[in-house]
Amino acid sequence: MAKAAKTAIKSDAKGGAESKNYTKVIKTVRSPKSGAYTFKEAIVHKDKVKDFLAK
C-alpha cells in the first residue's frame, strides 16, 4: 500500500524540475523606529537571490 501512495505523489518531470529552480529566502531587516529586527520572506528564482538580498 505504501508503494501506491509514493506513485500517486509523483508529478510530471517538467513541473518537478522547474520547481527546483526556486529558493525560499529570508532576510533580516532592522526597523528604524524601534530597532527591532523583522524578517522578510520571499520565494525567488535561484538566479535572483543576490538581487533580493542586495535591496
PDB file of N, CA and C in Angstrom:
ATOM      1  N   MET A   1       0.827  -1.195   0.000  1.00  0.00           N
ATOM      2  CA  MET A   1       0.000   0.000   0.000  1.00  0.00           C
ATOM      3  C   MET A   1       0.869   1.255   0.000  1.00  0.00           C
ATOM      4  N   ALA A   2       2.020   1.230   0.602  1.00  0.00           N
ATOM      5  CA  ALA A   2       2.888   2.408   0.625  1.00  0.00           C
ATOM      6  C   ALA A   2       3.413   2.740  -0.766  1.00  0.00           C
ATOM      7  N   LYS A   3       3.649   1.724  -1.588  1.00  0.00           N
ATOM      8  CA  LYS A   3       4.145   1.981  -2.936  1.00  0.00           C
ATOM      9  C   LYS A   3       3.115   2.725  -3.772  1.00  0.00           C
ATOM     10  N   ALA A   4       1.864   2.429  -3.588  1.00  0.00           N
ATOM     11  CA  ALA A   4       0.815   3.119  -4.342  1.00  0.00           C
ATOM     12  C   ALA A   4       0.773   4.594  -3.963  1.00  0.00           C
ATOM     13  N   ALA A   5       1.001   4.921  -2.701  1.00  0.00           N
ATOM     14  CA  ALA A   5       0.984   6.308  -2.261  1.00  0.00           C
ATOM     15  C   ALA A   5       2.176   7.072  -2.841  1.00  0.00           C
ATOM     16  N   LYS A   6       3.325   6.445  -2.934  1.00  0.00           N
ATOM     17  CA  LYS A   6       4.504   7.111  -3.491  1.00  0.00           C
ATOM     18  C   LYS A   6       4.306   7.446  -4.956  1.00  0.00           C
ATOM     19  N   THR A   7       3.696   6.542  -5.715  1.00  0.00           N
ATOM     20  CA  THR A   7       3.492   6.819  -7.129  1.00  0.00           C
ATOM     21  C   THR A   7       2.407   7.869  -7.327  1.00  0.00           C
ATOM     22  N   ALA A   8       1.483   7.982  -6.414  1.00  0.00           N
ATOM     23  CA  ALA A   8       0.426   8.982  -6.524  1.00  0.00           C
ATOM     24  C   ALA A   8       0.980  10.380  -6.285  1.00  0.00           C
ATOM     25  N   ILE A   9       2.033  10.516  -5.501  1.00  0.00           N
ATOM     26  CA  ILE A   9       2.611  11.821  -5.183  1.00  0.00           C
ATOM     27  C   ILE A   9       3.427  12.352  -6.358  1.00  0.00           C
ATOM     28  N   LYS A  10       4.044  11.476  -7.135  1.00  0.00           N
ATOM     29  CA  LYS A  10       4.886  11.915  -8.253  1.00  0.00           C
ATOM     30  C   LYS A  10       4.069  12.725  -9.245  1.00  0.00           C
ATOM     31  N   SER A  11       4.680  13.785  -9.751  1.00  0.00           N
ATOM     32  CA  SER A  11       4.052  14.573 -10.802  1.00  0.00           C
ATOM     33  C   SER A  11       4.895  14.445 -12.065  1.00  0.00           C
ATOM     34  N   ASP A  12       4.525  15.183 -13.078  1.00  0.00           N
ATOM     35  CA  ASP A  12       5.294  15.095 -14.310  1.00  0.00           C
ATOM     36  C   ASP A  12       6.711  15.625 -14.086  1.00  0.00           C
ATOM     37  N   ALA A  13       7.652  15.183 -14.883  1.00  0.00           N
ATOM     38  CA  ALA A  13       9.068  15.517 -14.692  1.00  0.00           C
ATOM     39  C   ALA A  13       9.337  16.995 -14.916  1.00  0.00           C
ATOM     40  N   LYS A  14       8.634  17.630 -15.827  1.00  0.00           N
ATOM     41  CA  LYS A  14       8.882  19.042 -16.130  1.00  0.00           C
ATOM     42  C   LYS A  14       8.533  19.935 -14.939  1.00  0.00           C
ATOM     43  N   GLY A  15       7.404  19.711 -14.307  1.00  0.00           N
ATOM     44  CA  GLY A  15       6.990  20.515 -13.152  1.00  0.00           C
ATOM     45  C   GLY A  15       7.910  20.331 -11.959  1.00  0.00           C
ATOM     46  N   GLY A  16       8.387  19.127 -11.745  1.00  0.00           N
ATOM     47  CA  GLY A  16       9.292  18.865 -10.635  1.00  0.00           C
ATOM     48  C   GLY A  16      10.655  19.489 -10.842  1.00  0.00           C
ATOM     49  N   ALA A  17      11.141  19.473 -12.065  1.00  0.00           N
ATOM     50  CA  ALA A  17      12.455  20.044 -12.354  1.00  0.00           C
ATOM     51  C   ALA A  17      12.405  21.562 -12.301  1.00  0.00           C
ATOM     52  N   GLU A  18      11.306  22.149 -12.734  1.00  0.00           N
ATOM     53  CA  GLU A  18      11.195  23.605 -12.735  1.00  0.00           C
ATOM     54  C   GLU A  18      11.092  24.163 -11.320  1.00  0.00           C
ATOM     55  N   SER A  19      10.460  23.450 -10.431  1.00  0.00           N
ATOM     56  CA  SER A  19      10.309  23.944  -9.057  1.00  0.00           C
ATOM     57  C   SER A  19      11.634  23.940  -8.299  1.00  0.00           C
ATOM     58  N   LYS A  20      12.593  23.173  -8.736  1.00  0.00           N
ATOM     59  CA  LYS A  20      13.907  23.146  -8.082  1.00  0.00           C
ATOM     60  C   LYS A  20      14.714  24.409  -8.369  1.00  0.00           C
ATOM     61  N   ASN A  21      14.243  25.240  -9.285  1.00  0.00           N
ATOM     62  CA  ASN A  21      14.946  26.472  -9.624  1.00  0.00           C
ATOM     63  C   ASN A  21      14.585  27.617  -8.678  1.00  0.00           C
ATOM     64  N   TYR A  22      13.667  27.402  -7.762  1.00  0.00           N
ATOM     65  CA  TYR A  22      13.232  28.447  -6.840  1.00  0.00           C
ATOM     66  C   TYR A  22      13.718  28.160  -5.430  1.00  0.00           C
ATOM     67  N   THR A  23      13.990  29.238  -4.680  1.00  0.00           N
ATOM     68  CA  THR A  23      14.525  29.128  -3.333  1.00  0.00           C
ATOM     69  C   THR A  23      13.760  30.059  -2.410  1.00  0.00           C
ATOM     70  N   LYS A  24      13.530  29.615  -1.186  1.00  0.00           N
ATOM     71  CA  LYS A  24      12.927  30.491  -0.186  1.00  0.00           C
ATOM     72  C   LYS A  24      14.045  31.269   0.484  1.00  0.00           C
ATOM     73  N   VAL A  25      13.928  32.601   0.462  1.00  0.00           N
ATOM     74  CA  VAL A  25      14.957  33.473   1.009  1.00  0.00           C
ATOM     75  C   VAL A  25      14.362  34.248   2.176  1.00  0.00           C
ATOM     76  N   ILE A  26      15.083  34.286   3.282  1.00  0.00           N
ATOM     77  CA  ILE A  26      14.655  35.026   4.468  1.00  0.00           C
ATOM     78  C   ILE A  26      15.704  36.090   4.749  1.00  0.00           C
ATOM     79  N   LYS A  27      15.256  37.339   4.817  1.00  0.00           N
ATOM     80  CA  LYS A  27      16.158  38.470   5.009  1.00  0.00           C
ATOM     81  C   LYS A  27      15.781  39.189   6.297  1.00  0.00           C
ATOM     82  N   THR A  28      16.770  39.505   7.135  1.00  0.00           N
ATOM     83  CA  THR A  28      16.507  40.277   8.353  1.00  0.00           C
ATOM     84  C   THR A  28      16.624  41.755   8.034  1.00  0.00           C
ATOM     85  N   VAL A  29      15.654  42.509   8.533  1.00  0.00           N
ATOM     86  CA  VAL A  29      15.621  43.952   8.306  1.00  0.00           C
ATOM     87  C   VAL A  29      15.429  44.623   9.650  1.00  0.00           C
ATOM     88  N   ARG A  30      16.216  45.639   9.919  1.00  0.00           N
ATOM     89  CA  ARG A  30      16.121  46.348  11.196  1.00  0.00           C
ATOM     90  C   ARG A  30      15.167  47.528  11.058  1.00  0.00           C
ATOM     91  N   SER A  31      14.226  47.647  11.978  1.00  0.00           N
ATOM     92  CA  SER A  31      13.255  48.731  11.963  1.00  0.00           C
ATOM     93  C   SER A  31      13.920  50.029  12.399  1.00  0.00           C
ATOM     94  N   PRO A  32      13.743  51.103  11.642  1.00  0.00           N
ATOM     95  CA  PRO A  32      14.374  52.369  12.027  1.00  0.00           C
ATOM     96  C   PRO A  32      13.735  52.995  13.274  1.00  0.00           C
ATOM     97  N   LYS A  33      12.473  52.718  13.538  1.00  0.00           N
ATOM     98  CA  LYS A  33      11.788  53.303  14.695  1.00  0.00           C
ATOM     99  C   LYS A  33      12.176  52.623  16.003  1.00  0.00           C
ATOM    100  N   SER A  34      11.994  51.305  16.047  1.00  0.00           N
ATOM    101  CA  SER A  34      12.201  50.606  17.315  1.00  0.00           C
ATOM    102  C   SER A  34      13.560  49.917  17.421  1.00  0.00           C
ATOM    103  N   GLY A  35      14.219  49.694  16.298  1.00  0.00           N
ATOM    104  CA  GLY A  35      15.493  48.991  16.325  1.00  0.00           C
ATOM    105  C   GLY A  35      15.339  47.487  16.367  1.00  0.00           C
ATOM    106  N   ALA A  36      14.100  47.006  16.368  1.00  0.00           N
ATOM    107  CA  ALA A  36      13.853  45.561  16.393  1.00  0.00           C
ATOM    108  C   ALA A  36      14.057  44.978  15.003  1.00  0.00           C
ATOM    109  N   TYR A  37      14.376  43.703  14.950  1.00  0.00           N
ATOM    110  CA  TYR A  37      14.566  43.020  13.681  1.00  0.00           C
ATOM    111  C   TYR A  37      13.248  42.418  13.212  1.00  0.00           C
ATOM    112  N   THR A  38      12.989  42.513  11.920  1.00  0.00           N
ATOM    113  CA  THR A  38      11.860  41.844  11.296  1.00  0.00           C
ATOM    114  C   THR A  38      12.409  40.979  10.169  1.00  0.00           C
ATOM    115  N   PHE A  39      11.611  40.084   9.706  1.00  0.00           N
ATOM    116  CA  PHE A  39      12.040  39.159   8.668  1.00  0.00           C
ATOM    117  C   PHE A  39      11.162  39.304   7.444  1.00  0.00           C
ATOM    118  N   LYS A  40      11.785  39.370   6.278  1.00  0.00           N
ATOM    119  CA  LYS A  40      11.076  39.402   5.006  1.00  0.00           C
ATOM    120  C   LYS A  40      11.366  38.089   4.303  1.00  0.00           C
ATOM    121  N   GLU A  41      10.300  37.403   3.920  1.00  0.00           N
ATOM    122  CA  GLU A  41      10.436  36.123   3.240  1.00  0.00           C
ATOM    123  C   GLU A  41       9.933  36.243   1.815  1.00  0.00           C
ATOM    124  N   ALA A  42      10.583  35.550   0.915  1.00  0.00           N
ATOM    125  CA  ALA A  42      10.144  35.520  -0.471  1.00  0.00           C
ATOM    126  C   ALA A  42      10.635  34.237  -1.119  1.00  0.00           C
ATOM    127  N   ILE A  43       9.891  33.788  -2.115  1.00  0.00           N
ATOM    128  CA  ILE A  43      10.323  32.663  -2.925  1.00  0.00           C
ATOM    129  C   ILE A  43      10.808  33.263  -4.238  1.00  0.00           C
ATOM    130  N   VAL A  44      12.104  33.095  -4.489  1.00  0.00           N
ATOM    131  CA  VAL A  44      12.782  33.787  -5.577  1.00  0.00           C
ATOM    132  C   VAL A  44      13.471  32.761  -6.470  1.00  0.00           C
ATOM    133  N   HIS A  45      13.585  33.074  -7.749  1.00  0.00           N
ATOM    134  CA  HIS A  45      14.340  32.214  -8.650  1.00  0.00           C
ATOM    135  C   HIS A  45      15.800  32.212  -8.206  1.00  0.00           C
ATOM    136  N   LYS A  46      16.456  31.088  -8.339  1.00  0.00           N
ATOM    137  CA  LYS A  46      17.813  30.950  -7.793  1.00  0.00           C
ATOM    138  C   LYS A  46      18.810  31.915  -8.411  1.00  0.00           C
ATOM    139  N   ASP A  47      18.545  32.428  -9.597  1.00  0.00           N
ATOM    140  CA  ASP A  47      19.446  33.394 -10.226  1.00  0.00           C
ATOM    141  C   ASP A  47      19.276  34.799  -9.658  1.00  0.00           C
ATOM    142  N   LYS A  48      18.177  35.076  -8.966  1.00  0.00           N
ATOM    143  CA  LYS A  48      17.891  36.418  -8.477  1.00  0.00           C
ATOM    144  C   LYS A  48      18.018  36.545  -6.955  1.00  0.00           C
ATOM    145  N   VAL A  49      18.638  35.575  -6.296  1.00  0.00           N
ATOM    146  CA  VAL A  49      18.789  35.603  -4.842  1.00  0.00           C
ATOM    147  C   VAL A  49      19.672  36.766  -4.409  1.00  0.00           C
ATOM    148  N   LYS A  50      20.789  36.984  -5.079  1.00  0.00           N
ATOM    149  CA  LYS A  50      21.697  38.075  -4.705  1.00  0.00           C
ATOM    150  C   LYS A  50      21.040  39.428  -4.889  1.00  0.00           C
ATOM    151  N   ASP A  51      20.205  39.574  -5.932  1.00  0.00           N
ATOM    152  CA  ASP A  51      19.489  40.828  -6.139  1.00  0.00           C
ATOM    153  C   ASP A  51      18.514  41.097  -5.007  1.00  0.00           C
ATOM    154  N   PHE A  52      17.820  40.046  -4.537  1.00  0.00           N
ATOM    155  CA  PHE A  52      16.870  40.200  -3.443  1.00  0.00           C
ATOM    156  C   PHE A  52      17.580  40.619  -2.152  1.00  0.00           C
ATOM    157  N   LEU A  53      18.717  40.002  -1.876  1.00  0.00           N
ATOM    158  CA  LEU A  53      19.447  40.323  -0.646  1.00  0.00           C
ATOM    159  C   LEU A  53      20.128  41.685  -0.718  1.00  0.00           C
ATOM    160  N   ALA A  54      20.419  42.172  -1.907  1.00  0.00           N
ATOM    161  CA  ALA A  54      21.085  43.461  -2.060  1.00  0.00           C
ATOM    162  C   ALA A  54      20.137  44.645  -1.818  1.00  0.00           C
ATOM    163  N   LYS A  55      18.845  44.429  -1.978  1.00  0.00           N
ATOM    164  CA  LYS A  55      17.875  45.513  -1.785  1.00  0.00           C
ATOM    165  C   LYS A  55      17.884  46.010  -0.366  1.00  0.00           C
TER     166      LYS A  55
END
